Amino acid sequence: MSIRPETVTGSQNLRAAGLSTLGFAVFSGTDAVVKLMAQGLSVPQITFMITGFAFLLTVALTLMTGPADTLRPRQPGLALLRGLLLAVDTLLIYYAFAMLDLAEAYVLAFLTPALVALLAAILLGERLPLAGWIGIGMGFAGVIVALQPGARVMNLGHAAAFGSALVFAFSIILLRRIRAGESEAAMIAVLLAVLNLLALGLTLAGGGFVAVSPAQLGLAALAGFLTALGHLFLIRAGRIGAASIVAPFQYSQIIWACIYGLVLFNTPIEPHLLLGAAVIVLSGWLVLRPAG
C-alpha cells in the first residue's frame, strides 16, 4: 500500500533516505561489476547474464515470501511499456559504463531531473517556475564544465549516457500513470523479463554468446543479486517516503563512482568533473524543489 504525501512522517522520510542511500550504493556496485565484465564480454551478453540471475532471484524470493499472484502486473500494458523503457535505459547506460569512466557516465545520467522537468512541461503541460528553468539551464552548463567538450574526445559512450538519462526521464513521466497498488515484485519482474529478452535478441543478432569463465559467471551472479536488491530498496523507499526526499540521493552515486573508479580501475579524481557534478546537483535541487 502506498502512503499519501500528506501522511508521510519524519521517521518515514528518514527510513526512505536510508533505503535510497543503500539502493544507489548497491546500483553503483552493479555498475562497477558491469565495467569489469565489459573488459571481456559484450554489453548485451553481460546484461542477459545479470538480468537472468536477478529475475530468478526475484521470482524465488517472491514465491518464498508470498503468493505467486504478486508477480502479475495489474496494469500489464503500462508495466510492459515502463519495462521496455527501463530496459533500453539499462542497455544504454551499461554501454556508457563500458566506454567511459564511471563518474563521467554518471554526470550525464544526473541530467534526469532536469529532463523530467522539461518533458513534464512539454508533454504534460506542467507549469515550471523560473527557478526550474534556471535549473535546467544549469544542468546542461554543468555537463559542459564536467566533460570539457573540445578538450577531450567525445564518443558514443557519451551519447549513450545522455540517451539513458532521456529514456529514464520518459519512464518517470510514465510512472505517474501506474497505480500505486502495483506490487514491488511485479514491477521488478516485468522490467527484468523485458530486459532479459531484449538483451537475448541483441546478443544473438550480434553473433551469439561467447564462452564465459567461472569468474565472469560469479560476477554476473553478484551483479544480479545487487540489481534485484537495489530495485527493492528504491521501490520501498519511494513508497514510504516523499519523492523529494528519495530522488536527490541519486547524486550520491558520484561519490561511489570516484571510489570504485580509483580502487578498481585506477581512475584519477578530476576536479573539473566534481565541479560540473556539483553544478548539476544544484540544478537538480532547483527543478525538484516544490514551488513556493
Protein backbone atom coordinates (compact mmCIF):
# COMPACT_ATOMS: atom_id res chain seq x y z
CA MET A 1 0.00 0.00 0.00
CA SER A 2 1.34 3.45 -0.88
CA ILE A 3 1.46 6.31 1.57
CA ARG A 4 -0.07 9.59 0.51
CA PRO A 5 2.36 12.52 0.58
CA GLU A 6 0.40 14.33 3.28
CA THR A 7 0.64 11.37 5.67
CA VAL A 8 4.40 10.87 5.36
CA THR A 9 6.11 11.39 8.72
CA GLY A 10 9.64 12.47 9.55
CA SER A 11 10.61 8.96 10.64
CA GLN A 12 9.29 7.52 7.36
CA ASN A 13 11.30 10.05 5.37
CA LEU A 14 14.37 9.14 7.42
CA ARG A 15 13.86 5.46 6.61
CA ALA A 16 13.32 6.36 2.95
CA ALA A 17 16.56 8.36 2.92
CA GLY A 18 18.44 5.39 4.37
CA LEU A 19 16.93 2.96 1.86
CA SER A 20 17.69 5.36 -1.01
CA THR A 21 21.31 5.68 0.09
CA LEU A 22 21.62 1.89 0.21
CA GLY A 23 19.83 1.48 -3.11
CA PHE A 24 22.06 3.85 -5.05
CA ALA A 25 25.19 2.45 -3.37
CA VAL A 26 24.13 -1.04 -4.44
CA PHE A 27 23.43 0.13 -8.01
CA SER A 28 26.87 1.73 -8.17
CA GLY A 29 28.36 -1.60 -7.16
CA THR A 30 26.45 -3.25 -10.00
CA ASP A 31 27.75 -0.64 -12.44
CA ALA A 32 31.34 -1.30 -11.33
CA VAL A 33 30.83 -5.04 -11.90
CA VAL A 34 29.42 -4.33 -15.38
CA LYS A 35 32.52 -2.28 -16.25
CA LEU A 36 34.75 -5.12 -15.03
CA MET A 37 32.87 -7.70 -17.11
CA ALA A 38 32.89 -5.42 -20.19
CA GLN A 39 36.63 -5.97 -20.48
CA GLY A 40 35.92 -9.40 -21.95
CA LEU A 41 32.25 -9.65 -22.90
CA SER A 42 29.73 -7.70 -24.98
CA VAL A 43 27.24 -5.44 -23.22
CA PRO A 44 24.14 -7.40 -24.40
CA GLN A 45 25.59 -10.71 -23.14
CA ILE A 46 26.55 -9.12 -19.82
CA THR A 47 23.03 -7.70 -19.50
CA PHE A 48 21.44 -11.06 -20.34
CA MET A 49 23.50 -12.86 -17.71
CA ILE A 50 22.95 -10.29 -14.96
CA THR A 51 19.21 -9.89 -15.52
CA GLY A 52 18.79 -13.65 -15.77
CA PHE A 53 20.20 -14.10 -12.29
CA ALA A 54 18.24 -11.10 -10.97
CA PHE A 55 14.96 -12.38 -12.44
CA LEU A 56 15.37 -15.88 -10.99
CA LEU A 57 16.24 -14.41 -7.61
CA THR A 58 13.22 -12.07 -7.67
CA VAL A 59 10.83 -14.90 -8.58
CA ALA A 60 12.31 -17.25 -5.98
CA LEU A 61 12.11 -14.70 -3.16
CA THR A 62 8.55 -13.76 -4.13
CA LEU A 63 7.38 -17.37 -4.11
CA MET A 64 9.09 -17.95 -0.77
CA THR A 65 7.52 -14.94 0.93
CA GLY A 66 4.10 -14.55 -0.70
CA PRO A 67 1.61 -15.70 -3.33
CA ALA A 68 2.68 -16.09 -6.95
CA ASP A 69 -0.09 -13.68 -7.97
CA THR A 70 2.02 -10.77 -6.76
CA LEU A 71 4.22 -11.30 -9.83
CA ARG A 72 1.30 -10.47 -12.15
CA PRO A 73 1.05 -6.76 -13.01
CA ARG A 74 -2.36 -5.15 -12.56
CA GLN A 75 -1.72 -2.79 -15.47
CA PRO A 76 0.17 -5.05 -17.90
CA GLY A 77 0.23 -2.58 -20.78
CA LEU A 78 1.77 0.26 -18.80
CA ALA A 79 4.03 -2.14 -16.89
CA LEU A 80 5.40 -3.57 -20.13
CA LEU A 81 5.94 -0.13 -21.64
CA ARG A 82 7.75 1.02 -18.49
CA GLY A 83 9.77 -2.20 -18.54
CA LEU A 84 10.77 -1.58 -22.16
CA LEU A 85 11.84 1.99 -21.45
CA LEU A 86 13.92 0.93 -18.45
CA ALA A 87 15.38 -1.96 -20.45
CA VAL A 88 16.59 0.46 -23.14
CA ASP A 89 17.84 2.79 -20.40
CA THR A 90 19.83 -0.05 -18.79
CA LEU A 91 21.43 -1.18 -22.05
CA LEU A 92 22.43 2.39 -22.89
CA ILE A 93 23.97 3.12 -19.51
CA TYR A 94 25.77 -0.26 -19.46
CA TYR A 95 27.27 0.62 -22.83
CA ALA A 96 28.28 4.01 -21.42
CA PHE A 97 30.00 2.29 -18.46
CA ALA A 98 31.92 0.10 -20.89
CA MET A 99 33.13 3.16 -22.83
CA LEU A 100 33.59 5.81 -20.12
CA ASP A 101 34.82 6.24 -16.59
CA LEU A 102 32.00 5.61 -14.10
CA ALA A 103 31.93 9.21 -12.83
CA GLU A 104 31.87 10.59 -16.37
CA ALA A 105 28.83 8.46 -17.24
CA TYR A 106 27.07 9.46 -14.04
CA VAL A 107 27.47 13.17 -14.80
CA LEU A 108 25.31 12.76 -17.91
CA ALA A 109 22.88 10.45 -16.12
CA PHE A 110 22.38 13.16 -13.50
CA LEU A 111 20.56 15.25 -16.11
CA THR A 112 17.45 13.13 -15.50
CA PRO A 113 15.71 15.58 -13.07
CA ALA A 114 16.20 18.46 -15.50
CA LEU A 115 14.92 16.33 -18.39
CA VAL A 116 11.91 15.18 -16.36
CA ALA A 117 11.00 18.81 -15.62
CA LEU A 118 11.44 19.75 -19.28
CA LEU A 119 9.38 16.80 -20.56
CA ALA A 120 6.65 17.40 -17.98
CA ALA A 121 6.36 21.00 -19.17
CA ILE A 122 6.24 19.98 -22.84
CA LEU A 123 4.19 16.76 -22.69
CA LEU A 124 2.02 17.23 -19.61
CA GLY A 125 1.65 21.00 -19.67
CA GLU A 126 3.01 21.33 -16.13
CA ARG A 127 3.98 24.87 -15.20
CA LEU A 128 7.63 25.24 -14.31
CA PRO A 129 8.69 28.18 -12.12
CA LEU A 130 11.58 30.43 -13.11
CA ALA A 131 13.90 28.58 -10.71
CA GLY A 132 13.11 25.36 -12.54
CA TRP A 133 14.05 26.82 -15.92
CA ILE A 134 17.25 28.18 -14.39
CA GLY A 135 17.94 24.70 -13.02
CA ILE A 136 17.51 23.12 -16.44
CA GLY A 137 19.98 25.57 -17.94
CA MET A 138 22.43 24.98 -15.10
CA GLY A 139 22.21 21.23 -15.63
CA PHE A 140 23.45 21.48 -19.19
CA ALA A 141 26.07 24.06 -18.17
CA GLY A 142 27.31 21.60 -15.54
CA VAL A 143 27.79 18.95 -18.21
CA ILE A 144 29.95 21.36 -20.21
CA VAL A 145 32.06 22.12 -17.12
CA ALA A 146 32.44 18.42 -16.25
CA LEU A 147 33.15 16.98 -19.68
CA GLN A 148 35.01 19.94 -21.23
CA PRO A 149 33.97 19.26 -24.83
CA GLY A 150 36.78 20.27 -27.14
CA ALA A 151 39.40 19.45 -24.54
CA ARG A 152 38.55 15.74 -24.72
CA VAL A 153 37.24 13.45 -27.43
CA MET A 154 33.51 12.71 -27.25
CA ASN A 155 32.43 9.19 -28.23
CA LEU A 156 29.34 7.01 -28.44
CA GLY A 157 29.59 6.36 -24.71
CA HIS A 158 28.66 9.99 -24.03
CA ALA A 159 25.71 9.74 -26.42
CA ALA A 160 24.59 6.51 -24.73
CA ALA A 161 24.76 8.08 -21.27
CA PHE A 162 22.69 11.08 -22.37
CA GLY A 163 20.24 8.75 -24.15
CA SER A 164 19.93 6.75 -20.93
CA ALA A 165 19.04 9.88 -18.95
CA LEU A 166 16.43 10.86 -21.57
CA VAL A 167 14.80 7.41 -21.68
CA PHE A 168 14.80 7.21 -17.88
CA ALA A 169 13.07 10.60 -17.76
CA PHE A 170 10.35 9.27 -20.07
CA SER A 171 9.91 6.25 -17.75
CA ILE A 172 9.41 8.58 -14.77
CA ILE A 173 6.75 10.52 -16.68
CA LEU A 174 5.03 7.21 -17.46
CA LEU A 175 5.29 6.04 -13.85
CA ARG A 176 2.86 8.79 -12.86
CA ARG A 177 0.13 6.80 -14.64
CA ILE A 178 0.87 3.49 -12.91
CA ARG A 179 -1.27 2.75 -9.88
CA ALA A 180 0.46 2.82 -6.52
CA GLY A 181 -1.15 -0.57 -5.78
CA GLU A 182 1.16 -2.32 -8.26
CA SER A 183 3.29 -4.82 -6.30
CA GLU A 184 7.02 -4.34 -5.96
CA ALA A 185 7.66 -7.88 -7.21
CA ALA A 186 5.59 -7.31 -10.37
CA MET A 187 7.32 -4.02 -11.21
CA ILE A 188 10.78 -5.59 -10.81
CA ALA A 189 9.92 -8.88 -12.54
CA VAL A 190 8.40 -7.22 -15.61
CA LEU A 191 11.42 -4.95 -16.01
CA LEU A 192 13.89 -7.83 -15.68
CA ALA A 193 11.93 -10.10 -18.04
CA VAL A 194 11.72 -7.45 -20.77
CA LEU A 195 15.37 -6.50 -20.33
CA ASN A 196 16.45 -10.15 -20.43
CA LEU A 197 14.55 -10.82 -23.67
CA LEU A 198 15.85 -7.64 -25.30
CA ALA A 199 19.43 -8.47 -24.30
CA LEU A 200 19.00 -12.02 -25.63
CA GLY A 201 17.86 -10.71 -29.00
CA LEU A 202 20.73 -8.24 -29.24
CA THR A 203 23.25 -10.92 -28.23
CA LEU A 204 22.01 -13.32 -30.91
CA ALA A 205 21.90 -10.54 -33.52
CA GLY A 206 25.48 -9.59 -32.64
CA GLY A 207 26.94 -13.04 -33.31
CA GLY A 208 25.74 -15.09 -30.35
CA PHE A 209 27.19 -15.96 -26.98
CA VAL A 210 30.85 -16.44 -26.19
CA ALA A 211 32.21 -18.77 -23.52
CA VAL A 212 32.42 -17.34 -20.02
CA SER A 213 34.84 -18.16 -17.24
CA PRO A 214 33.77 -19.17 -13.72
CA ALA A 215 34.93 -15.75 -12.52
CA GLN A 216 32.71 -13.95 -15.06
CA LEU A 217 29.78 -16.15 -14.10
CA GLY A 218 30.36 -15.31 -10.44
CA LEU A 219 30.48 -11.60 -11.22
CA ALA A 220 27.21 -11.88 -13.16
CA ALA A 221 25.56 -13.65 -10.22
CA LEU A 222 26.81 -10.95 -7.84
CA ALA A 223 25.56 -8.18 -10.12
CA GLY A 224 22.21 -9.95 -10.49
CA PHE A 225 21.81 -10.07 -6.73
CA LEU A 226 22.77 -6.39 -6.40
CA THR A 227 20.35 -5.43 -9.20
CA ALA A 228 17.38 -7.10 -7.54
CA LEU A 229 18.35 -5.69 -4.14
CA GLY A 230 18.80 -2.14 -5.48
CA HIS A 231 15.38 -2.13 -7.16
CA LEU A 232 13.78 -3.42 -3.97
CA PHE A 233 15.43 -0.71 -1.86
CA LEU A 234 14.37 2.11 -4.18
CA ILE A 235 10.80 0.94 -4.73
CA ARG A 236 10.34 0.51 -0.98
CA ALA A 237 11.89 3.95 -0.35
CA GLY A 238 9.55 5.54 -2.87
CA ARG A 239 6.55 4.03 -1.12
CA ILE A 240 7.34 5.08 2.43
CA GLY A 241 8.89 8.50 1.82
CA ALA A 242 8.26 11.64 -0.18
CA ALA A 243 9.65 11.70 -3.71
CA SER A 244 11.51 14.93 -2.94
CA ILE A 245 13.42 13.02 -0.24
CA VAL A 246 14.22 9.94 -2.34
CA ALA A 247 15.24 11.45 -5.69
CA PRO A 248 18.24 13.60 -4.64
CA PHE A 249 20.09 10.59 -3.24
CA GLN A 250 20.85 9.55 -6.82
CA TYR A 251 23.62 12.14 -6.68
CA SER A 252 25.45 10.10 -4.04
CA GLN A 253 26.49 7.82 -6.89
CA ILE A 254 29.19 10.28 -7.93
CA ILE A 255 30.95 9.53 -4.62
CA TRP A 256 30.74 5.77 -5.18
CA ALA A 257 31.86 6.23 -8.79
CA CYS A 258 35.01 8.04 -7.67
CA ILE A 259 35.74 5.36 -5.06
CA TYR A 260 35.14 2.40 -7.37
CA GLY A 261 36.97 4.11 -10.22
CA LEU A 262 40.03 4.81 -8.10
CA VAL A 263 40.15 1.38 -6.41
CA LEU A 264 39.15 -0.92 -9.28
CA PHE A 265 40.23 0.97 -12.41
CA ASN A 266 42.91 3.38 -11.16
CA THR A 267 40.89 6.32 -12.46
CA PRO A 268 42.08 9.69 -11.08
CA ILE A 269 39.54 12.01 -9.47
CA GLU A 270 39.35 15.09 -11.71
CA PRO A 271 38.42 18.42 -10.02
CA HIS A 272 36.56 19.78 -13.07
CA LEU A 273 34.40 16.63 -13.12
CA LEU A 274 33.44 17.13 -9.48
CA LEU A 275 32.78 20.84 -10.09
CA GLY A 276 30.48 20.04 -13.01
CA ALA A 277 28.73 17.37 -10.94
CA ALA A 278 28.17 19.92 -8.15
CA VAL A 279 26.57 22.33 -10.64
CA ILE A 280 24.30 19.54 -11.91
CA VAL A 281 23.35 18.59 -8.34
CA LEU A 282 22.36 22.21 -7.69
CA SER A 283 20.35 22.23 -10.92
CA GLY A 284 18.56 19.07 -9.79
CA TRP A 285 17.69 20.72 -6.48
CA LEU A 286 16.25 23.73 -8.30
CA VAL A 287 13.97 21.63 -10.53
CA LEU A 288 12.95 19.20 -7.77
CA ARG A 289 12.18 21.77 -5.05
CA PRO A 290 8.50 22.47 -4.57
CA ALA A 291 7.27 25.81 -5.84
CA GLY A 292 7.00 28.35 -3.05
